[in-house]
C-alpha atoms as a PDB file:
ATOM      1  CA  MET A   1       5.983 -28.663   4.574  1.00  0.00           C
ATOM      2  CA  ASN A   2       5.033 -25.481   6.407  1.00  0.00           C
ATOM      3  CA  ILE A   3       3.984 -25.526  10.074  1.00  0.00           C
ATOM      4  CA  ARG A   4       0.331 -24.620   9.404  1.00  0.00           C
ATOM      5  CA  LYS A   5      -0.060 -27.498   6.950  1.00  0.00           C
ATOM      6  CA  THR A   6       1.582 -29.881   9.418  1.00  0.00           C
ATOM      7  CA  LEU A   7      -0.742 -28.792  12.234  1.00  0.00           C
ATOM      8  CA  THR A   8      -3.812 -29.145  10.000  1.00  0.00           C
ATOM      9  CA  VAL A   9      -2.851 -32.674   9.003  1.00  0.00           C
ATOM     10  CA  LEU A  10      -2.004 -33.569  12.589  1.00  0.00           C
ATOM     11  CA  ALA A  11      -5.388 -32.308  13.815  1.00  0.00           C
ATOM     12  CA  PHE A  12      -7.128 -34.363  11.131  1.00  0.00           C
ATOM     13  CA  VAL A  13      -5.154 -37.496  11.981  1.00  0.00           C
ATOM     14  CA  VAL A  14      -5.748 -37.109  15.721  1.00  0.00           C
ATOM     15  CA  ALA A  15      -9.491 -36.663  15.174  1.00  0.00           C
ATOM     16  CA  LEU A  16      -9.656 -39.727  12.937  1.00  0.00           C
ATOM     17  CA  ILE A  17      -7.714 -41.860  15.404  1.00  0.00           C
ATOM     18  CA  MET A  18      -9.887 -40.846  18.337  1.00  0.00           C
ATOM     19  CA  LEU A  19     -13.179 -41.836  16.762  1.00  0.00           C
ATOM     20  CA  PRO A  20     -14.548 -45.341  17.229  1.00  0.00           C
ATOM     21  CA  VAL A  21     -15.241 -47.469  14.199  1.00  0.00           C
ATOM     22  CA  SER A  22     -18.158 -49.873  13.998  1.00  0.00           C
ATOM     23  CA  ARG A  23     -17.809 -53.121  12.121  1.00  0.00           C
ATOM     24  CA  ALA A  24     -21.031 -54.753  11.053  1.00  0.00           C
ATOM     25  CA  ASP A  25     -20.192 -57.664   8.809  1.00  0.00           C
ATOM     26  CA  GLN A  26     -16.839 -59.084   7.801  1.00  0.00           C
ATOM     27  CA  SER A  27     -18.156 -60.358   4.444  1.00  0.00           C
ATOM     28  CA  ASN A  28     -18.903 -56.851   3.185  1.00  0.00           C
ATOM     29  CA  GLU A  29     -16.252 -55.138   5.324  1.00  0.00           C
ATOM     30  CA  ALA A  30     -18.843 -52.610   6.527  1.00  0.00           C
ATOM     31  CA  THR A  31     -16.958 -49.897   8.402  1.00  0.00           C
ATOM     32  CA  LYS A  32     -18.392 -46.775  10.006  1.00  0.00           C
ATOM     33  CA  VAL A  33     -15.925 -43.896  10.219  1.00  0.00           C
ATOM     34  CA  THR A  34     -16.099 -40.201  11.070  1.00  0.00           C
ATOM     35  CA  PHE A  35     -13.887 -37.644   9.358  1.00  0.00           C
ATOM     36  CA  SER A  36     -13.279 -34.342  11.130  1.00  0.00           C
ATOM     37  CA  GLN A  37     -12.461 -32.590   7.850  1.00  0.00           C
ATOM     38  CA  PRO A  38     -13.542 -33.041   4.226  1.00  0.00           C
ATOM     39  CA  VAL A  39     -11.844 -35.902   2.368  1.00  0.00           C
ATOM     40  CA  GLN A  40     -11.346 -36.492  -1.338  1.00  0.00           C
ATOM     41  CA  ILE A  41     -12.489 -39.706  -2.986  1.00  0.00           C
ATOM     42  CA  PRO A  42     -12.391 -40.285  -6.740  1.00  0.00           C
ATOM     43  CA  GLY A  43     -14.973 -38.007  -8.323  1.00  0.00           C
ATOM     44  CA  ARG A  44     -16.000 -35.980  -5.284  1.00  0.00           C
ATOM     45  CA  VAL A  45     -15.213 -34.526  -1.887  1.00  0.00           C
ATOM     46  CA  LEU A  46     -17.032 -35.864   1.159  1.00  0.00           C
ATOM     47  CA  PRO A  47     -17.761 -33.181   3.751  1.00  0.00           C
ATOM     48  CA  ALA A  48     -16.650 -33.769   7.337  1.00  0.00           C
ATOM     49  CA  GLY A  49     -19.026 -36.286   8.853  1.00  0.00           C
ATOM     50  CA  THR A  50     -19.789 -39.944   9.491  1.00  0.00           C
ATOM     51  CA  TYR A  51     -19.876 -42.488   6.661  1.00  0.00           C
ATOM     52  CA  TRP A  52     -20.189 -46.207   6.024  1.00  0.00           C
ATOM     53  CA  PHE A  53     -17.624 -47.764   3.683  1.00  0.00           C
ATOM     54  CA  MET A  54     -18.732 -51.192   2.487  1.00  0.00           C
ATOM     55  CA  LEU A  55     -18.494 -53.731  -0.291  1.00  0.00           C
ATOM     56  CA  PRO A  56     -21.441 -55.160  -2.227  1.00  0.00           C
ATOM     57  CA  ASN A  57     -22.781 -58.492  -0.980  1.00  0.00           C
ATOM     58  CA  ASP A  58     -21.864 -60.030  -4.345  1.00  0.00           C
ATOM     59  CA  ASN A  59     -18.223 -61.191  -4.003  1.00  0.00           C
ATOM     60  CA  THR A  60     -17.619 -60.664  -7.725  1.00  0.00           C
ATOM     61  CA  LEU A  61     -18.104 -56.914  -7.184  1.00  0.00           C
ATOM     62  CA  HIS A  62     -15.584 -56.446  -4.377  1.00  0.00           C
ATOM     63  CA  ASP A  63     -13.629 -54.004  -6.539  1.00  0.00           C
ATOM     64  CA  GLN A  64     -16.393 -51.521  -5.712  1.00  0.00           C
ATOM     65  CA  VAL A  65     -16.403 -49.594  -2.444  1.00  0.00           C
ATOM     66  CA  ARG A  66     -19.779 -48.086  -1.670  1.00  0.00           C
ATOM     67  CA  ILE A  67     -20.081 -45.083   0.591  1.00  0.00           C
ATOM     68  CA  TYR A  68     -23.225 -44.141   2.545  1.00  0.00           C
ATOM     69  CA  ASN A  69     -24.160 -41.605   5.202  1.00  0.00           C
ATOM     70  CA  SER A  70     -24.129 -42.454   8.918  1.00  0.00           C
ATOM     71  CA  ASP A  71     -27.503 -44.250   8.936  1.00  0.00           C
ATOM     72  CA  ARG A  72     -27.106 -45.726   5.428  1.00  0.00           C
ATOM     73  CA  THR A  73     -30.106 -43.836   4.034  1.00  0.00           C
ATOM     74  CA  ILE A  74     -28.119 -41.733   1.561  1.00  0.00           C
ATOM     75  CA  PHE A  75     -25.808 -43.293  -1.002  1.00  0.00           C
ATOM     76  CA  TYR A  76     -22.866 -41.030  -1.876  1.00  0.00           C
ATOM     77  CA  ALA A  77     -20.611 -42.924  -4.248  1.00  0.00           C
ATOM     78  CA  THR A  78     -19.267 -46.132  -5.682  1.00  0.00           C
ATOM     79  CA  VAL A  79     -15.484 -45.993  -5.814  1.00  0.00           C
ATOM     80  CA  ILE A  80     -13.697 -48.423  -8.092  1.00  0.00           C
ATOM     81  CA  SER A  81     -10.645 -49.949  -6.472  1.00  0.00           C
ATOM     82  CA  VAL A  82      -7.900 -52.463  -7.109  1.00  0.00           C
ATOM     83  CA  THR A  83      -6.465 -54.882  -4.609  1.00  0.00           C
ATOM     84  CA  ALA A  84      -3.812 -53.429  -2.329  1.00  0.00           C
ATOM     85  CA  GLN A  85      -1.494 -55.456  -0.105  1.00  0.00           C
ATOM     86  CA  ARG A  86       0.200 -54.756   3.205  1.00  0.00           C
ATOM     87  CA  LEU A  87       2.708 -56.901   5.065  1.00  0.00           C
ATOM     88  CA  GLN A  88       1.045 -57.007   8.466  1.00  0.00           C
ATOM     89  CA  PRO A  89      -2.656 -56.886   9.332  1.00  0.00           C
ATOM     90  CA  THR A  90      -3.813 -54.639  12.154  1.00  0.00           C
ATOM     91  CA  ASP A  91      -6.773 -54.962  14.469  1.00  0.00           C
ATOM     92  CA  LYS A  92      -8.068 -51.570  13.328  1.00  0.00           C
ATOM     93  CA  THR A  93      -9.371 -50.079  10.121  1.00  0.00           C
ATOM     94  CA  THR A  94      -6.655 -48.047   8.424  1.00  0.00           C
ATOM     95  CA  PHE A  95      -6.865 -45.313   5.827  1.00  0.00           C
ATOM     96  CA  THR A  96      -3.913 -43.940   3.907  1.00  0.00           C
ATOM     97  CA  LEU A  97      -4.377 -40.326   2.878  1.00  0.00           C
ATOM     98  CA  THR A  98      -2.267 -37.876   0.939  1.00  0.00           C
ATOM     99  CA  VAL A  99      -1.148 -34.618   2.470  1.00  0.00           C
ATOM    100  CA  ARG A 100      -2.119 -31.870   0.045  1.00  0.00           C
ATOM    101  CA  GLU A 101      -1.777 -28.136  -0.336  1.00  0.00           C
ATOM    102  CA  PRO A 102      -3.658 -25.894   2.086  1.00  0.00           C
ATOM    103  CA  LYS A 103      -7.390 -25.659   1.408  1.00  0.00           C
ATOM    104  CA  GLN A 104      -7.335 -28.973  -0.494  1.00  0.00           C
ATOM    105  CA  PRO A 105      -8.810 -31.975   1.298  1.00  0.00           C
ATOM    106  CA  GLU A 106      -6.658 -34.985   2.018  1.00  0.00           C
ATOM    107  CA  ALA A 107      -7.376 -37.740  -0.511  1.00  0.00           C
ATOM    108  CA  ILE A 108      -8.063 -41.328   0.527  1.00  0.00           C
ATOM    109  CA  ILE A 109      -5.677 -43.648  -1.289  1.00  0.00           C
ATOM    110  CA  TYR A 110      -6.041 -46.954   0.612  1.00  0.00           C
ATOM    111  CA  TRP A 111      -8.584 -48.545   2.936  1.00  0.00           C
ATOM    112  CA  PHE A 112      -7.793 -51.733   4.872  1.00  0.00           C
ATOM    113  CA  TYR A 113     -10.279 -53.691   6.942  1.00  0.00           C
ATOM    114  CA  PRO A 114      -9.102 -54.942  10.368  1.00  0.00           C
ATOM    115  CA  GLY A 115      -7.281 -58.266  10.358  1.00  0.00           C
ATOM    116  CA  SER A 116      -6.668 -58.254   6.610  1.00  0.00           C
ATOM    117  CA  THR A 117      -3.501 -57.897   4.571  1.00  0.00           C
ATOM    118  CA  THR A 118      -5.631 -57.254   1.467  1.00  0.00           C
ATOM    119  CA  GLY A 119      -7.303 -53.892   1.066  1.00  0.00           C
ATOM    120  CA  HIS A 120      -8.562 -51.393  -1.471  1.00  0.00           C
ATOM    121  CA  GLU A 121      -6.579 -48.855  -3.494  1.00  0.00           C
ATOM    122  CA  PHE A 122      -8.906 -46.148  -4.780  1.00  0.00           C
ATOM    123  CA  LEU A 123      -8.519 -45.423  -8.481  1.00  0.00           C
ATOM    124  CA  TYR A 124      -8.185 -41.773  -9.458  1.00  0.00           C
ATOM    125  CA  PRO A 125      -7.909 -40.360 -12.989  1.00  0.00           C
ATOM    126  CA  ALA A 126      -4.298 -40.526 -14.246  1.00  0.00           C
ATOM    127  CA  LYS A 127      -3.670 -36.773 -14.048  1.00  0.00           C
ATOM    128  CA  MET A 128      -4.917 -36.567 -10.458  1.00  0.00           C
ATOM    129  CA  TRP A 129      -3.032 -39.746  -9.488  1.00  0.00           C
ATOM    130  CA  LYS A 130       0.233 -38.146 -10.674  1.00  0.00           C
ATOM    131  CA  GLU A 131      -0.464 -35.152  -8.439  1.00  0.00           C
ATOM    132  CA  LEU A 132      -1.369 -37.337  -5.453  1.00  0.00           C
ATOM    133  CA  ALA A 133       1.688 -39.568  -5.925  1.00  0.00           C
ATOM    134  CA  LYS A 134       3.955 -36.544  -5.393  1.00  0.00           C
ATOM    135  CA  ASN A 135       2.471 -35.836  -1.970  1.00  0.00           C
ATOM    136  CA  LYS A 136       3.364 -37.347   1.366  1.00  0.00           C
ATOM    137  CA  GLN A 137       1.100 -40.195   2.482  1.00  0.00           C
ATOM    138  CA  VAL A 138      -0.083 -40.716   6.034  1.00  0.00           C
ATOM    139  CA  THR A 139      -1.623 -43.964   7.273  1.00  0.00           C
ATOM    140  CA  VAL A 140      -3.934 -43.652  10.244  1.00  0.00           C
ATOM    141  CA  ASP A 141      -5.658 -46.214  12.399  1.00  0.00           C
ATOM    142  CA  ALA A 142      -9.333 -45.446  12.744  1.00  0.00           C
ATOM    143  CA  GLY A 143     -11.053 -46.769  15.815  1.00  0.00           C
ATOM    144  CA  GLU A 144     -10.195 -48.422  19.059  1.00  0.00           C
END
């Protein structure tokens, strides 16, 4: 990995770590997070900014992650996910992102809610998933 790419990723990770995360309701895992750079989700790129990641209130639809703007007035996307597991829960929201080529946004692969060993693996089309799987992954704690 070249030095410029490393510094870009490091700046992104530091900015994500430094920003507080709000948690509204454990049942829908509502999480407010700010990204300092654009991030890829399946089907689109979210510009740098503040977003809410949350699950529908209906427990049978918890394979869907819904993404809204900072005040929840604009709906951006529903991302289909599968259950992901981790060995140890943390007290912070974590995102796992892929490190990509310069000028390509990091892609969110996993999202884990604080205190949970079960999270969400975002589903990308097969061709894109193969590309993402080749790249280094970085897990960052978001929030305090």
